Amino acid sequence: MADTNTLTADEQAAGWRLLFDGTSMDPWRGFQRDDVPEGWRVEEGTIHRGDGGGDILTRKPFGDFELSIEWKVAGPGNSGIMFRVSEDADATYMTGPEYQILNNAVHPDGRNPLTTAGSNYALHAPTKDMTKPVGEWNHTLIKVQGPHVEHWMNGERIVEYELWSDEWESRVADSKFAQWPGYGRNKVGYIVLQDHGDPVWYRNIKIRKLD
């Protein structure tokens, strides 16, 4: 078992690399800016969104990948992890599908399965609520390979879908995302941690490319 924000020898051999080492946010920057917004800071070995400032994204784009990340929330606890995001649009949610981060018990989005924690936000509901009590760490794994996407939480796959399939196209057409033609279309893009106005903490952020 690796220490927090480190890689085991096996993980290194398998191609994993860190997107956060516990002390530096160098792999990250703000959306459509080169620095990190002041509202995001390193706090006791975590990336903490405390006072706002906008979404942050990886400095490097990714196409096919596995992302492993731990998160916890406080209060309403609304955030999200988006992928294949473009900076050509005015906001991250206009291009990047979102793995929802939420306090299901408190936030109003917790009343609709399509917007609960672990969902493909507003499009695919998780098969079950796998969240731990608020204040405890949850583990998320997101697998993206070509059109195939999987959402995992705390060791269980809870969402699976195919981008650009007839089923996906139908869901998008019936959602708010229909107004943004570039939504979910990118094959390569940035990974985003969303500022949705609530406190959230991230750590153990690891990624490996899938060929």
N, C-alpha and C. Protein backbone atom coordinates (compact mmCIF):
# COMPACT_ATOMS: atom_id res chain seq x y z
N MET A 1 0.84 -1.20 0.00
CA MET A 1 0.00 0.00 0.00
C MET A 1 0.88 1.25 0.00
N ALA A 2 0.67 2.13 -0.97
CA ALA A 2 1.48 3.34 -1.07
C ALA A 2 1.04 4.37 -0.05
N ASP A 3 1.97 5.22 0.37
CA ASP A 3 1.60 6.36 1.18
C ASP A 3 0.76 7.31 0.35
N THR A 4 0.08 8.24 1.03
CA THR A 4 -0.76 9.21 0.32
C THR A 4 0.06 10.01 -0.68
N ASN A 5 -0.50 10.19 -1.86
CA ASN A 5 0.11 11.00 -2.93
C ASN A 5 1.45 10.45 -3.40
N THR A 6 1.59 9.14 -3.38
CA THR A 6 2.79 8.49 -3.92
C THR A 6 2.36 7.32 -4.79
N LEU A 7 3.32 6.77 -5.52
CA LEU A 7 3.08 5.60 -6.36
C LEU A 7 3.87 4.42 -5.85
N THR A 8 3.27 3.25 -5.88
CA THR A 8 4.01 2.03 -5.58
C THR A 8 4.88 1.67 -6.79
N ALA A 9 5.82 0.78 -6.57
CA ALA A 9 6.66 0.32 -7.67
C ALA A 9 5.80 -0.34 -8.76
N ASP A 10 4.79 -1.10 -8.34
CA ASP A 10 3.90 -1.75 -9.31
C ASP A 10 3.12 -0.72 -10.12
N GLU A 11 2.66 0.33 -9.47
CA GLU A 11 1.93 1.37 -10.19
C GLU A 11 2.83 2.07 -11.19
N GLN A 12 4.05 2.35 -10.80
CA GLN A 12 4.98 2.98 -11.72
C GLN A 12 5.25 2.08 -12.92
N ALA A 13 5.41 0.79 -12.66
CA ALA A 13 5.67 -0.15 -13.75
C ALA A 13 4.48 -0.26 -14.69
N ALA A 14 3.28 -0.05 -14.14
CA ALA A 14 2.06 -0.16 -14.95
C ALA A 14 1.75 1.12 -15.70
N GLY A 15 2.58 2.15 -15.51
CA GLY A 15 2.40 3.37 -16.27
C GLY A 15 1.65 4.49 -15.58
N TRP A 16 1.35 4.31 -14.31
CA TRP A 16 0.67 5.38 -13.58
C TRP A 16 1.63 6.52 -13.29
N ARG A 17 1.09 7.75 -13.23
CA ARG A 17 1.88 8.89 -12.78
C ARG A 17 1.00 9.81 -11.96
N LEU A 18 1.64 10.60 -11.11
CA LEU A 18 0.90 11.47 -10.20
C LEU A 18 0.49 12.77 -10.89
N LEU A 19 -0.71 13.23 -10.58
CA LEU A 19 -1.16 14.56 -10.95
C LEU A 19 -1.16 15.49 -9.74
N PHE A 20 -0.71 14.98 -8.59
CA PHE A 20 -0.58 15.79 -7.37
C PHE A 20 0.32 15.03 -6.41
N ASP A 21 1.39 15.71 -5.96
CA ASP A 21 2.35 15.05 -5.07
C ASP A 21 2.17 15.42 -3.61
N GLY A 22 1.09 16.14 -3.30
CA GLY A 22 0.81 16.51 -1.93
C GLY A 22 1.31 17.88 -1.53
N THR A 23 2.15 18.48 -2.36
CA THR A 23 2.72 19.78 -2.00
C THR A 23 2.61 20.82 -3.11
N SER A 24 2.55 20.40 -4.36
CA SER A 24 2.60 21.34 -5.47
C SER A 24 1.39 21.15 -6.40
N MET A 25 0.86 22.25 -6.89
CA MET A 25 -0.21 22.20 -7.88
C MET A 25 0.30 22.49 -9.29
N ASP A 26 1.59 22.27 -9.50
CA ASP A 26 2.19 22.56 -10.81
C ASP A 26 1.49 21.87 -11.98
N PRO A 27 0.96 20.63 -11.81
CA PRO A 27 0.29 20.00 -12.96
C PRO A 27 -1.07 20.61 -13.30
N TRP A 28 -1.50 21.62 -12.54
CA TRP A 28 -2.83 22.19 -12.70
C TRP A 28 -2.76 23.69 -12.98
N ARG A 29 -3.83 24.20 -13.58
CA ARG A 29 -4.00 25.64 -13.78
C ARG A 29 -5.48 25.93 -13.89
N GLY A 30 -5.83 27.21 -13.89
CA GLY A 30 -7.23 27.57 -14.02
C GLY A 30 -7.73 27.46 -15.45
N PHE A 31 -9.03 27.30 -15.61
CA PHE A 31 -9.65 27.26 -16.93
C PHE A 31 -9.42 28.59 -17.64
N GLN A 32 -8.86 28.51 -18.83
CA GLN A 32 -8.55 29.67 -19.67
C GLN A 32 -7.62 30.67 -18.98
N ARG A 33 -6.72 30.16 -18.15
CA ARG A 33 -5.69 30.98 -17.52
C ARG A 33 -4.50 30.10 -17.19
N ASP A 34 -3.35 30.72 -16.95
CA ASP A 34 -2.12 29.94 -16.78
C ASP A 34 -1.79 29.67 -15.32
N ASP A 35 -2.45 30.37 -14.40
CA ASP A 35 -2.17 30.16 -12.98
C ASP A 35 -3.33 29.43 -12.31
N VAL A 36 -3.16 29.10 -11.04
CA VAL A 36 -4.20 28.43 -10.26
C VAL A 36 -4.99 29.49 -9.50
N PRO A 37 -6.32 29.49 -9.60
CA PRO A 37 -7.11 30.46 -8.86
C PRO A 37 -6.84 30.37 -7.36
N GLU A 38 -6.91 31.52 -6.68
CA GLU A 38 -6.57 31.57 -5.26
C GLU A 38 -7.48 30.70 -4.40
N GLY A 39 -8.70 30.45 -4.86
CA GLY A 39 -9.62 29.65 -4.07
C GLY A 39 -9.22 28.19 -3.94
N TRP A 40 -8.33 27.74 -4.81
CA TRP A 40 -7.81 26.37 -4.73
C TRP A 40 -6.42 26.42 -4.08
N ARG A 41 -6.19 25.57 -3.10
CA ARG A 41 -4.90 25.59 -2.42
C ARG A 41 -4.54 24.20 -1.91
N VAL A 42 -3.27 24.01 -1.65
CA VAL A 42 -2.81 22.77 -1.02
C VAL A 42 -3.04 22.88 0.48
N GLU A 43 -3.70 21.88 1.03
CA GLU A 43 -4.03 21.88 2.46
C GLU A 43 -3.85 20.48 3.03
N GLU A 44 -2.83 20.31 3.85
CA GLU A 44 -2.57 19.03 4.53
C GLU A 44 -2.58 17.86 3.54
N GLY A 45 -1.82 18.02 2.46
CA GLY A 45 -1.69 16.94 1.50
C GLY A 45 -2.88 16.73 0.59
N THR A 46 -3.75 17.73 0.51
CA THR A 46 -4.91 17.66 -0.39
C THR A 46 -4.95 18.91 -1.26
N ILE A 47 -5.70 18.80 -2.37
CA ILE A 47 -6.11 19.98 -3.13
C ILE A 47 -7.48 20.36 -2.61
N HIS A 48 -7.60 21.54 -2.04
CA HIS A 48 -8.84 21.97 -1.39
C HIS A 48 -9.43 23.16 -2.12
N ARG A 49 -10.68 23.04 -2.49
CA ARG A 49 -11.42 24.18 -3.01
C ARG A 49 -12.16 24.79 -1.83
N GLY A 50 -11.74 26.01 -1.43
CA GLY A 50 -12.34 26.61 -0.27
C GLY A 50 -13.11 27.88 -0.57
N ASP A 51 -12.52 28.79 -1.35
CA ASP A 51 -13.08 30.13 -1.49
C ASP A 51 -13.44 30.49 -2.92
N GLY A 52 -13.53 29.55 -3.78
CA GLY A 52 -13.94 29.83 -5.15
C GLY A 52 -12.78 30.19 -6.05
N GLY A 53 -13.12 30.61 -7.23
CA GLY A 53 -12.08 30.99 -8.18
C GLY A 53 -12.22 30.35 -9.54
N GLY A 54 -13.14 29.42 -9.68
CA GLY A 54 -13.33 28.78 -10.97
C GLY A 54 -12.74 27.39 -11.05
N ASP A 55 -13.04 26.70 -12.13
CA ASP A 55 -12.58 25.33 -12.33
C ASP A 55 -11.07 25.30 -12.59
N ILE A 56 -10.44 24.18 -12.23
CA ILE A 56 -9.04 23.96 -12.57
C ILE A 56 -8.93 22.74 -13.47
N LEU A 57 -7.87 22.73 -14.27
CA LEU A 57 -7.69 21.62 -15.21
C LEU A 57 -6.22 21.24 -15.32
N THR A 58 -5.99 20.05 -15.84
CA THR A 58 -4.63 19.57 -16.03
C THR A 58 -3.93 20.42 -17.10
N ARG A 59 -2.63 20.60 -16.93
CA ARG A 59 -1.88 21.35 -17.94
C ARG A 59 -1.75 20.55 -19.24
N LYS A 60 -1.80 19.24 -19.13
CA LYS A 60 -1.68 18.40 -20.32
C LYS A 60 -3.04 17.77 -20.65
N PRO A 61 -3.35 17.64 -21.94
CA PRO A 61 -4.59 16.98 -22.34
C PRO A 61 -4.41 15.46 -22.35
N PHE A 62 -5.53 14.77 -22.24
CA PHE A 62 -5.53 13.31 -22.25
C PHE A 62 -6.66 12.81 -23.16
N GLY A 63 -6.41 11.68 -23.79
CA GLY A 63 -7.41 11.07 -24.64
C GLY A 63 -8.01 9.86 -23.97
N ASP A 64 -7.33 8.70 -24.08
CA ASP A 64 -7.75 7.47 -23.41
C ASP A 64 -6.92 7.31 -22.14
N PHE A 65 -7.59 7.05 -21.02
CA PHE A 65 -6.88 7.03 -19.75
C PHE A 65 -7.69 6.33 -18.67
N GLU A 66 -7.02 6.04 -17.57
CA GLU A 66 -7.64 5.70 -16.30
C GLU A 66 -7.23 6.75 -15.29
N LEU A 67 -8.19 7.31 -14.58
CA LEU A 67 -7.93 8.31 -13.55
C LEU A 67 -8.38 7.75 -12.21
N SER A 68 -7.45 7.72 -11.26
CA SER A 68 -7.74 7.28 -9.90
C SER A 68 -7.62 8.49 -8.98
N ILE A 69 -8.63 8.74 -8.16
CA ILE A 69 -8.65 9.94 -7.34
C ILE A 69 -9.52 9.71 -6.10
N GLU A 70 -9.10 10.30 -4.99
CA GLU A 70 -9.90 10.26 -3.77
C GLU A 70 -10.47 11.64 -3.49
N TRP A 71 -11.68 11.69 -2.94
CA TRP A 71 -12.35 12.96 -2.66
C TRP A 71 -13.23 12.86 -1.43
N LYS A 72 -13.42 14.01 -0.80
CA LYS A 72 -14.41 14.12 0.27
C LYS A 72 -15.03 15.51 0.21
N VAL A 73 -16.21 15.64 0.79
CA VAL A 73 -16.95 16.89 0.74
C VAL A 73 -17.39 17.30 2.14
N ALA A 74 -17.83 18.54 2.24
CA ALA A 74 -18.45 19.06 3.45
C ALA A 74 -19.65 19.88 3.04
N GLY A 75 -20.61 20.04 3.94
CA GLY A 75 -21.81 20.82 3.61
C GLY A 75 -22.54 20.20 2.44
N PRO A 76 -23.11 21.01 1.55
CA PRO A 76 -23.81 20.46 0.38
C PRO A 76 -22.89 19.63 -0.51
N GLY A 77 -21.60 20.03 -0.57
CA GLY A 77 -20.59 19.21 -1.23
C GLY A 77 -20.82 18.93 -2.69
N ASN A 78 -20.93 19.96 -3.50
CA ASN A 78 -21.13 19.77 -4.94
C ASN A 78 -19.85 20.12 -5.69
N SER A 79 -19.34 19.18 -6.46
CA SER A 79 -18.20 19.39 -7.35
C SER A 79 -18.33 18.38 -8.48
N GLY A 80 -17.27 18.21 -9.26
CA GLY A 80 -17.33 17.24 -10.34
C GLY A 80 -15.97 17.07 -10.98
N ILE A 81 -15.82 15.95 -11.69
CA ILE A 81 -14.61 15.66 -12.45
C ILE A 81 -15.03 15.52 -13.90
N MET A 82 -14.52 16.38 -14.75
CA MET A 82 -14.85 16.34 -16.18
C MET A 82 -13.63 15.88 -16.98
N PHE A 83 -13.87 15.40 -18.18
CA PHE A 83 -12.77 14.92 -19.02
C PHE A 83 -12.99 15.31 -20.47
N ARG A 84 -11.86 15.29 -21.21
CA ARG A 84 -11.84 15.71 -22.62
C ARG A 84 -12.47 17.09 -22.81
N VAL A 85 -12.11 17.98 -21.91
CA VAL A 85 -12.63 19.34 -21.93
C VAL A 85 -11.81 20.21 -22.88
N SER A 86 -12.50 21.07 -23.61
CA SER A 86 -11.86 22.04 -24.51
C SER A 86 -11.95 23.43 -23.90
N GLU A 87 -10.95 24.25 -24.17
CA GLU A 87 -11.00 25.65 -23.74
C GLU A 87 -11.57 26.56 -24.83
N ASP A 88 -12.07 25.98 -25.90
CA ASP A 88 -12.68 26.76 -26.97
C ASP A 88 -14.07 27.26 -26.58
N ALA A 89 -14.71 26.59 -25.62
CA ALA A 89 -16.04 26.99 -25.15
C ALA A 89 -15.90 27.94 -23.96
N ASP A 90 -17.02 28.51 -23.55
CA ASP A 90 -17.01 29.49 -22.47
C ASP A 90 -16.98 28.86 -21.08
N ALA A 91 -17.28 27.58 -20.98
CA ALA A 91 -17.29 26.90 -19.69
C ALA A 91 -16.92 25.44 -19.89
N THR A 92 -16.39 24.83 -18.85
CA THR A 92 -15.94 23.43 -18.95
C THR A 92 -17.09 22.48 -19.24
N TYR A 93 -18.26 22.73 -18.65
CA TYR A 93 -19.40 21.82 -18.79
C TYR A 93 -20.01 21.84 -20.19
N MET A 94 -19.57 22.76 -21.03
CA MET A 94 -20.09 22.81 -22.39
C MET A 94 -19.45 21.77 -23.30
N THR A 95 -18.32 21.20 -22.87
CA THR A 95 -17.65 20.19 -23.70
C THR A 95 -17.35 18.89 -22.96
N GLY A 96 -17.19 18.93 -21.64
CA GLY A 96 -16.71 17.75 -20.93
C GLY A 96 -17.77 17.01 -20.14
N PRO A 97 -17.99 15.71 -20.42
CA PRO A 97 -18.86 14.91 -19.55
C PRO A 97 -18.36 14.95 -18.11
N GLU A 98 -19.29 14.82 -17.17
CA GLU A 98 -18.95 15.03 -15.76
C GLU A 98 -19.29 13.83 -14.88
N TYR A 99 -18.31 13.41 -14.10
CA TYR A 99 -18.52 12.47 -13.00
C TYR A 99 -18.92 13.32 -11.80
N GLN A 100 -20.15 13.18 -11.34
CA GLN A 100 -20.67 14.04 -10.29
C GLN A 100 -20.05 13.73 -8.92
N ILE A 101 -19.65 14.78 -8.21
CA ILE A 101 -19.21 14.70 -6.82
C ILE A 101 -20.26 15.42 -5.99
N LEU A 102 -20.81 14.75 -4.95
CA LEU A 102 -21.96 15.34 -4.26
C LEU A 102 -22.14 14.74 -2.87
N ASN A 103 -22.70 15.55 -1.99
CA ASN A 103 -23.28 15.06 -0.74
C ASN A 103 -24.73 14.71 -1.04
N ASN A 104 -25.00 13.44 -1.30
CA ASN A 104 -26.35 13.02 -1.71
C ASN A 104 -27.41 13.33 -0.66
N ALA A 105 -27.02 13.29 0.61
CA ALA A 105 -28.00 13.42 1.69
C ALA A 105 -28.49 14.85 1.88
N VAL A 106 -27.69 15.83 1.45
CA VAL A 106 -28.01 17.23 1.75
C VAL A 106 -28.33 18.04 0.50
N HIS A 107 -27.54 17.85 -0.56
CA HIS A 107 -27.71 18.70 -1.74
C HIS A 107 -28.98 18.31 -2.50
N PRO A 108 -29.71 19.30 -3.05
CA PRO A 108 -30.93 19.00 -3.81
C PRO A 108 -30.71 18.03 -4.97
N ASP A 109 -29.52 18.05 -5.59
CA ASP A 109 -29.24 17.13 -6.68
C ASP A 109 -29.30 15.67 -6.24
N GLY A 110 -29.19 15.44 -4.93
CA GLY A 110 -29.26 14.08 -4.42
C GLY A 110 -30.63 13.45 -4.53
N ARG A 111 -31.64 14.26 -4.85
CA ARG A 111 -33.01 13.73 -4.97
C ARG A 111 -33.27 13.11 -6.33
N ASN A 112 -32.41 13.43 -7.31
CA ASN A 112 -32.59 12.91 -8.67
C ASN A 112 -31.44 11.95 -8.97
N PRO A 113 -31.73 10.67 -9.22
CA PRO A 113 -30.66 9.71 -9.47
C PRO A 113 -29.69 10.15 -10.57
N LEU A 114 -30.19 10.89 -11.57
CA LEU A 114 -29.34 11.31 -12.69
C LEU A 114 -28.28 12.33 -12.27
N THR A 115 -28.43 12.93 -11.09
CA THR A 115 -27.48 13.95 -10.65
C THR A 115 -26.85 13.61 -9.30
N THR A 116 -26.95 12.36 -8.87
CA THR A 116 -26.33 11.95 -7.61
C THR A 116 -24.85 11.66 -7.81
N ALA A 117 -24.16 11.47 -6.71
CA ALA A 117 -22.72 11.22 -6.75
C ALA A 117 -22.40 10.00 -7.60
N GLY A 118 -21.43 10.17 -8.49
CA GLY A 118 -21.00 9.09 -9.37
C GLY A 118 -21.73 9.02 -10.69
N SER A 119 -22.80 9.80 -10.84
CA SER A 119 -23.54 9.80 -12.10
C SER A 119 -22.71 10.41 -13.22
N ASN A 120 -23.08 10.09 -14.45
CA ASN A 120 -22.67 10.88 -15.61
C ASN A 120 -23.67 12.02 -15.63
N TYR A 121 -23.27 13.16 -15.12
CA TYR A 121 -24.20 14.20 -14.70
C TYR A 121 -25.33 14.46 -15.70
N ALA A 122 -26.56 14.28 -15.19
CA ALA A 122 -27.80 14.57 -15.91
C ALA A 122 -28.10 13.61 -17.05
N LEU A 123 -27.26 12.57 -17.23
CA LEU A 123 -27.45 11.65 -18.35
C LEU A 123 -27.57 10.19 -17.92
N HIS A 124 -26.71 9.73 -17.03
CA HIS A 124 -26.73 8.33 -16.61
C HIS A 124 -26.65 8.24 -15.09
N ALA A 125 -27.62 7.60 -14.49
CA ALA A 125 -27.65 7.43 -13.03
C ALA A 125 -26.76 6.27 -12.61
N PRO A 126 -26.15 6.35 -11.43
CA PRO A 126 -25.40 5.20 -10.92
C PRO A 126 -26.34 4.06 -10.56
N THR A 127 -25.82 2.85 -10.62
CA THR A 127 -26.64 1.68 -10.29
C THR A 127 -26.97 1.61 -8.82
N LYS A 128 -26.15 2.24 -7.99
CA LYS A 128 -26.42 2.29 -6.55
C LYS A 128 -25.61 3.42 -5.93
N ASP A 129 -25.99 3.81 -4.71
CA ASP A 129 -25.25 4.84 -3.98
C ASP A 129 -24.10 4.17 -3.24
N MET A 130 -22.88 4.43 -3.72
CA MET A 130 -21.70 3.84 -3.11
C MET A 130 -20.91 4.83 -2.25
N THR A 131 -21.48 6.01 -2.00
CA THR A 131 -20.76 7.01 -1.23
C THR A 131 -20.62 6.60 0.23
N LYS A 132 -19.52 7.04 0.83
CA LYS A 132 -19.31 6.87 2.26
C LYS A 132 -19.89 8.07 3.00
N PRO A 133 -20.04 7.99 4.31
CA PRO A 133 -20.56 9.13 5.07
C PRO A 133 -19.75 10.39 4.81
N VAL A 134 -20.44 11.53 4.79
CA VAL A 134 -19.77 12.81 4.53
C VAL A 134 -18.63 13.02 5.50
N GLY A 135 -17.48 13.46 4.96
CA GLY A 135 -16.27 13.64 5.77
C GLY A 135 -15.29 12.51 5.60
N GLU A 136 -15.76 11.34 5.07
CA GLU A 136 -14.86 10.23 4.79
C GLU A 136 -14.42 10.29 3.33
N TRP A 137 -13.28 9.66 3.05
CA TRP A 137 -12.74 9.66 1.70
C TRP A 137 -13.43 8.62 0.83
N ASN A 138 -13.79 9.03 -0.37
CA ASN A 138 -14.30 8.13 -1.40
C ASN A 138 -13.24 7.94 -2.48
N HIS A 139 -13.19 6.75 -3.05
CA HIS A 139 -12.26 6.50 -4.15
C HIS A 139 -13.03 6.41 -5.46
N THR A 140 -12.59 7.18 -6.43
CA THR A 140 -13.19 7.20 -7.76
C THR A 140 -12.19 6.70 -8.78
N LEU A 141 -12.66 5.88 -9.72
CA LEU A 141 -11.88 5.48 -10.88
C LEU A 141 -12.71 5.78 -12.11
N ILE A 142 -12.13 6.52 -13.03
CA ILE A 142 -12.79 6.82 -14.31
C ILE A 142 -11.96 6.21 -15.42
N LYS A 143 -12.59 5.35 -16.22
CA LYS A 143 -11.92 4.73 -17.36
C LYS A 143 -12.53 5.28 -18.64
N VAL A 144 -11.68 5.80 -19.52
CA VAL A 144 -12.13 6.35 -20.79
C VAL A 144 -11.25 5.76 -21.89
N GLN A 145 -11.86 5.01 -22.79
CA GLN A 145 -11.11 4.40 -23.88
C GLN A 145 -11.95 4.47 -25.15
N GLY A 146 -11.54 5.34 -26.09
CA GLY A 146 -12.38 5.57 -27.26
C GLY A 146 -13.72 6.10 -26.81
N PRO A 147 -14.81 5.48 -27.25
CA PRO A 147 -16.13 5.92 -26.82
C PRO A 147 -16.58 5.32 -25.49
N HIS A 148 -15.83 4.34 -24.98
CA HIS A 148 -16.28 3.61 -23.80
C HIS A 148 -15.86 4.31 -22.52
N VAL A 149 -16.83 4.53 -21.62
CA VAL A 149 -16.57 5.22 -20.36
C VAL A 149 -17.14 4.39 -19.21
N GLU A 150 -16.37 4.28 -18.13
CA GLU A 150 -16.83 3.62 -16.91
C GLU A 150 -16.59 4.53 -15.71
N HIS A 151 -17.57 4.60 -14.82
CA HIS A 151 -17.45 5.29 -13.54
C HIS A 151 -17.42 4.24 -12.43
N TRP A 152 -16.40 4.28 -11.61
CA TRP A 152 -16.28 3.39 -10.46
C TRP A 152 -16.27 4.23 -9.19
N MET A 153 -16.84 3.68 -8.12
CA MET A 153 -16.74 4.33 -6.83
C MET A 153 -16.55 3.28 -5.74
N ASN A 154 -15.52 3.47 -4.95
CA ASN A 154 -15.24 2.60 -3.81
C ASN A 154 -15.27 1.12 -4.20
N GLY A 155 -14.66 0.84 -5.36
CA GLY A 155 -14.45 -0.54 -5.78
C GLY A 155 -15.55 -1.15 -6.62
N GLU A 156 -16.58 -0.39 -6.94
CA GLU A 156 -17.68 -0.95 -7.73
C GLU A 156 -17.99 -0.07 -8.93
N ARG A 157 -18.19 -0.72 -10.07
CA ARG A 157 -18.59 0.01 -11.28
C ARG A 157 -20.06 0.39 -11.16
N ILE A 158 -20.36 1.68 -11.29
CA ILE A 158 -21.72 2.16 -11.07
C ILE A 158 -22.33 2.83 -12.30
N VAL A 159 -21.51 3.15 -13.28
CA VAL A 159 -22.01 3.75 -14.53
C VAL A 159 -21.14 3.24 -15.68
N GLU A 160 -21.79 2.97 -16.81
CA GLU A 160 -21.07 2.54 -18.01
C GLU A 160 -21.84 3.05 -19.22
N TYR A 161 -21.15 3.67 -20.17
CA TYR A 161 -21.85 4.17 -21.35
C TYR A 161 -20.89 4.30 -22.52
N GLU A 162 -21.47 4.45 -23.71
CA GLU A 162 -20.71 4.59 -24.94
C GLU A 162 -20.98 5.98 -25.52
N LEU A 163 -19.96 6.80 -25.55
CA LEU A 163 -20.08 8.09 -26.20
C LEU A 163 -20.46 7.91 -27.66
N TRP A 164 -21.30 8.82 -28.16
CA TRP A 164 -21.67 8.91 -29.58
C TRP A 164 -22.55 7.76 -30.05
N SER A 165 -22.95 6.88 -29.16
CA SER A 165 -23.88 5.81 -29.53
C SER A 165 -25.28 6.41 -29.70
N ASP A 166 -26.20 5.65 -30.29
CA ASP A 166 -27.57 6.13 -30.46
C ASP A 166 -28.20 6.47 -29.12
N GLU A 167 -27.93 5.61 -28.14
CA GLU A 167 -28.49 5.83 -26.80
C GLU A 167 -27.94 7.11 -26.18
N TRP A 168 -26.64 7.35 -26.32
CA TRP A 168 -26.02 8.56 -25.79
C TRP A 168 -26.55 9.79 -26.50
N GLU A 169 -26.63 9.73 -27.82
CA GLU A 169 -27.12 10.86 -28.59
C GLU A 169 -28.55 11.23 -28.18
N SER A 170 -29.37 10.22 -27.93
CA SER A 170 -30.74 10.45 -27.53
C SER A 170 -30.82 11.14 -26.17
N ARG A 171 -30.00 10.68 -25.24
CA ARG A 171 -30.00 11.30 -23.90
C ARG A 171 -29.52 12.75 -23.96
N VAL A 172 -28.48 12.99 -24.74
CA VAL A 172 -27.97 14.36 -24.86
C VAL A 172 -29.02 15.27 -25.49
N ALA A 173 -29.70 14.77 -26.51
CA ALA A 173 -30.71 15.58 -27.21
C ALA A 173 -31.85 15.97 -26.28
N ASP A 174 -32.12 15.15 -25.27
CA ASP A 174 -33.21 15.43 -24.34
C ASP A 174 -32.73 16.16 -23.08
N SER A 175 -31.49 16.63 -23.08
CA SER A 175 -30.92 17.27 -21.89
C SER A 175 -30.53 18.71 -22.18
N LYS A 176 -30.06 19.41 -21.15
CA LYS A 176 -29.60 20.80 -21.34
C LYS A 176 -28.36 20.87 -22.23
N PHE A 177 -27.65 19.74 -22.36
CA PHE A 177 -26.42 19.73 -23.15
C PHE A 177 -26.67 19.85 -24.64
N ALA A 178 -27.92 19.66 -25.06
CA ALA A 178 -28.26 19.76 -26.48
C ALA A 178 -27.94 21.14 -27.06
N GLN A 179 -27.89 22.16 -26.20
CA GLN A 179 -27.64 23.52 -26.69
C GLN A 179 -26.17 23.78 -27.01
N TRP A 180 -25.29 22.81 -26.66
CA TRP A 180 -23.86 22.98 -26.91
C TRP A 180 -23.38 21.88 -27.85
N PRO A 181 -23.24 22.18 -29.13
CA PRO A 181 -22.90 21.15 -30.13
C PRO A 181 -21.60 20.42 -29.85
N GLY A 182 -20.67 21.06 -29.12
CA GLY A 182 -19.40 20.42 -28.83
C GLY A 182 -19.39 19.52 -27.63
N TYR A 183 -20.55 19.37 -26.96
CA TYR A 183 -20.57 18.59 -25.72
C TYR A 183 -20.23 17.12 -25.97
N GLY A 184 -19.22 16.63 -25.27
CA GLY A 184 -18.85 15.22 -25.33
C GLY A 184 -18.26 14.77 -26.66
N ARG A 185 -17.86 15.71 -27.52
CA ARG A 185 -17.40 15.35 -28.86
C ARG A 185 -15.89 15.15 -28.95
N ASN A 186 -15.14 15.70 -28.01
CA ASN A 186 -13.69 15.65 -28.11
C ASN A 186 -13.15 14.24 -27.85
N LYS A 187 -12.13 13.87 -28.59
CA LYS A 187 -11.44 12.61 -28.34
C LYS A 187 -10.21 12.81 -27.47
N VAL A 188 -9.81 14.05 -27.32
CA VAL A 188 -8.69 14.43 -26.45
C VAL A 188 -9.07 15.75 -25.78
N GLY A 189 -8.70 15.91 -24.52
CA GLY A 189 -8.98 17.16 -23.83
C GLY A 189 -8.46 17.13 -22.40
N TYR A 190 -8.78 18.17 -21.67
CA TYR A 190 -8.26 18.33 -20.31
C TYR A 190 -9.17 17.66 -19.28
N ILE A 191 -8.57 17.25 -18.17
CA ILE A 191 -9.31 16.77 -17.02
C ILE A 191 -9.52 17.94 -16.08
N VAL A 192 -10.75 18.09 -15.59
CA VAL A 192 -11.15 19.27 -14.82
C VAL A 192 -11.66 18.86 -13.44
N LEU A 193 -11.28 19.66 -12.43
CA LEU A 193 -11.90 19.61 -11.11
C LEU A 193 -12.77 20.85 -11.00
N GLN A 194 -14.04 20.64 -10.73
CA GLN A 194 -15.03 21.70 -10.82
C GLN A 194 -15.16 22.50 -9.52
N ASP A 195 -15.25 23.81 -9.67
CA ASP A 195 -15.63 24.70 -8.58
C ASP A 195 -17.14 24.94 -8.71
N HIS A 196 -17.91 24.34 -7.80
CA HIS A 196 -19.36 24.52 -7.84
C HIS A 196 -19.86 25.24 -6.58
N GLY A 197 -18.92 25.93 -5.91
CA GLY A 197 -19.32 26.76 -4.79
C GLY A 197 -19.26 26.12 -3.42
N ASP A 198 -18.87 24.85 -3.35
CA ASP A 198 -18.85 24.14 -2.07
C ASP A 198 -17.45 23.63 -1.74
N PRO A 199 -17.18 23.40 -0.45
CA PRO A 199 -15.88 22.84 -0.07
C PRO A 199 -15.72 21.40 -0.58
N VAL A 200 -14.56 21.11 -1.13
CA VAL A 200 -14.24 19.76 -1.59
C VAL A 200 -12.74 19.57 -1.48
N TRP A 201 -12.34 18.34 -1.21
CA TRP A 201 -10.92 18.00 -1.08
C TRP A 201 -10.61 16.83 -2.01
N TYR A 202 -9.44 16.89 -2.67
CA TYR A 202 -8.98 15.81 -3.54
C TYR A 202 -7.55 15.42 -3.14
N ARG A 203 -7.24 14.14 -3.30
CA ARG A 203 -5.89 13.66 -3.05
C ARG A 203 -5.67 12.36 -3.84
N ASN A 204 -4.44 11.85 -3.78
CA ASN A 204 -4.11 10.59 -4.47
C ASN A 204 -4.61 10.61 -5.92
N ILE A 205 -4.24 11.66 -6.64
CA ILE A 205 -4.70 11.83 -8.02
C ILE A 205 -3.66 11.19 -8.95
N LYS A 206 -4.05 10.10 -9.58
CA LYS A 206 -3.13 9.32 -10.40
C LYS A 206 -3.77 9.04 -11.75
N ILE A 207 -2.95 9.01 -12.79
CA ILE A 207 -3.47 8.77 -14.13
C ILE A 207 -2.52 7.88 -14.91
N ARG A 208 -3.08 7.09 -15.79
CA ARG A 208 -2.24 6.37 -16.76
C ARG A 208 -2.95 6.39 -18.11
N LYS A 209 -2.16 6.56 -19.14
CA LYS A 209 -2.69 6.59 -20.48
C LYS A 209 -3.00 5.18 -20.94
N LEU A 210 -4.06 5.03 -21.73
CA LEU A 210 -4.44 3.75 -22.31
C LEU A 210 -4.21 3.85 -23.81
N ASP A 211 -3.40 2.97 -24.35
CA ASP A 211 -3.12 2.97 -25.78
C ASP A 211 -4.15 2.14 -26.52
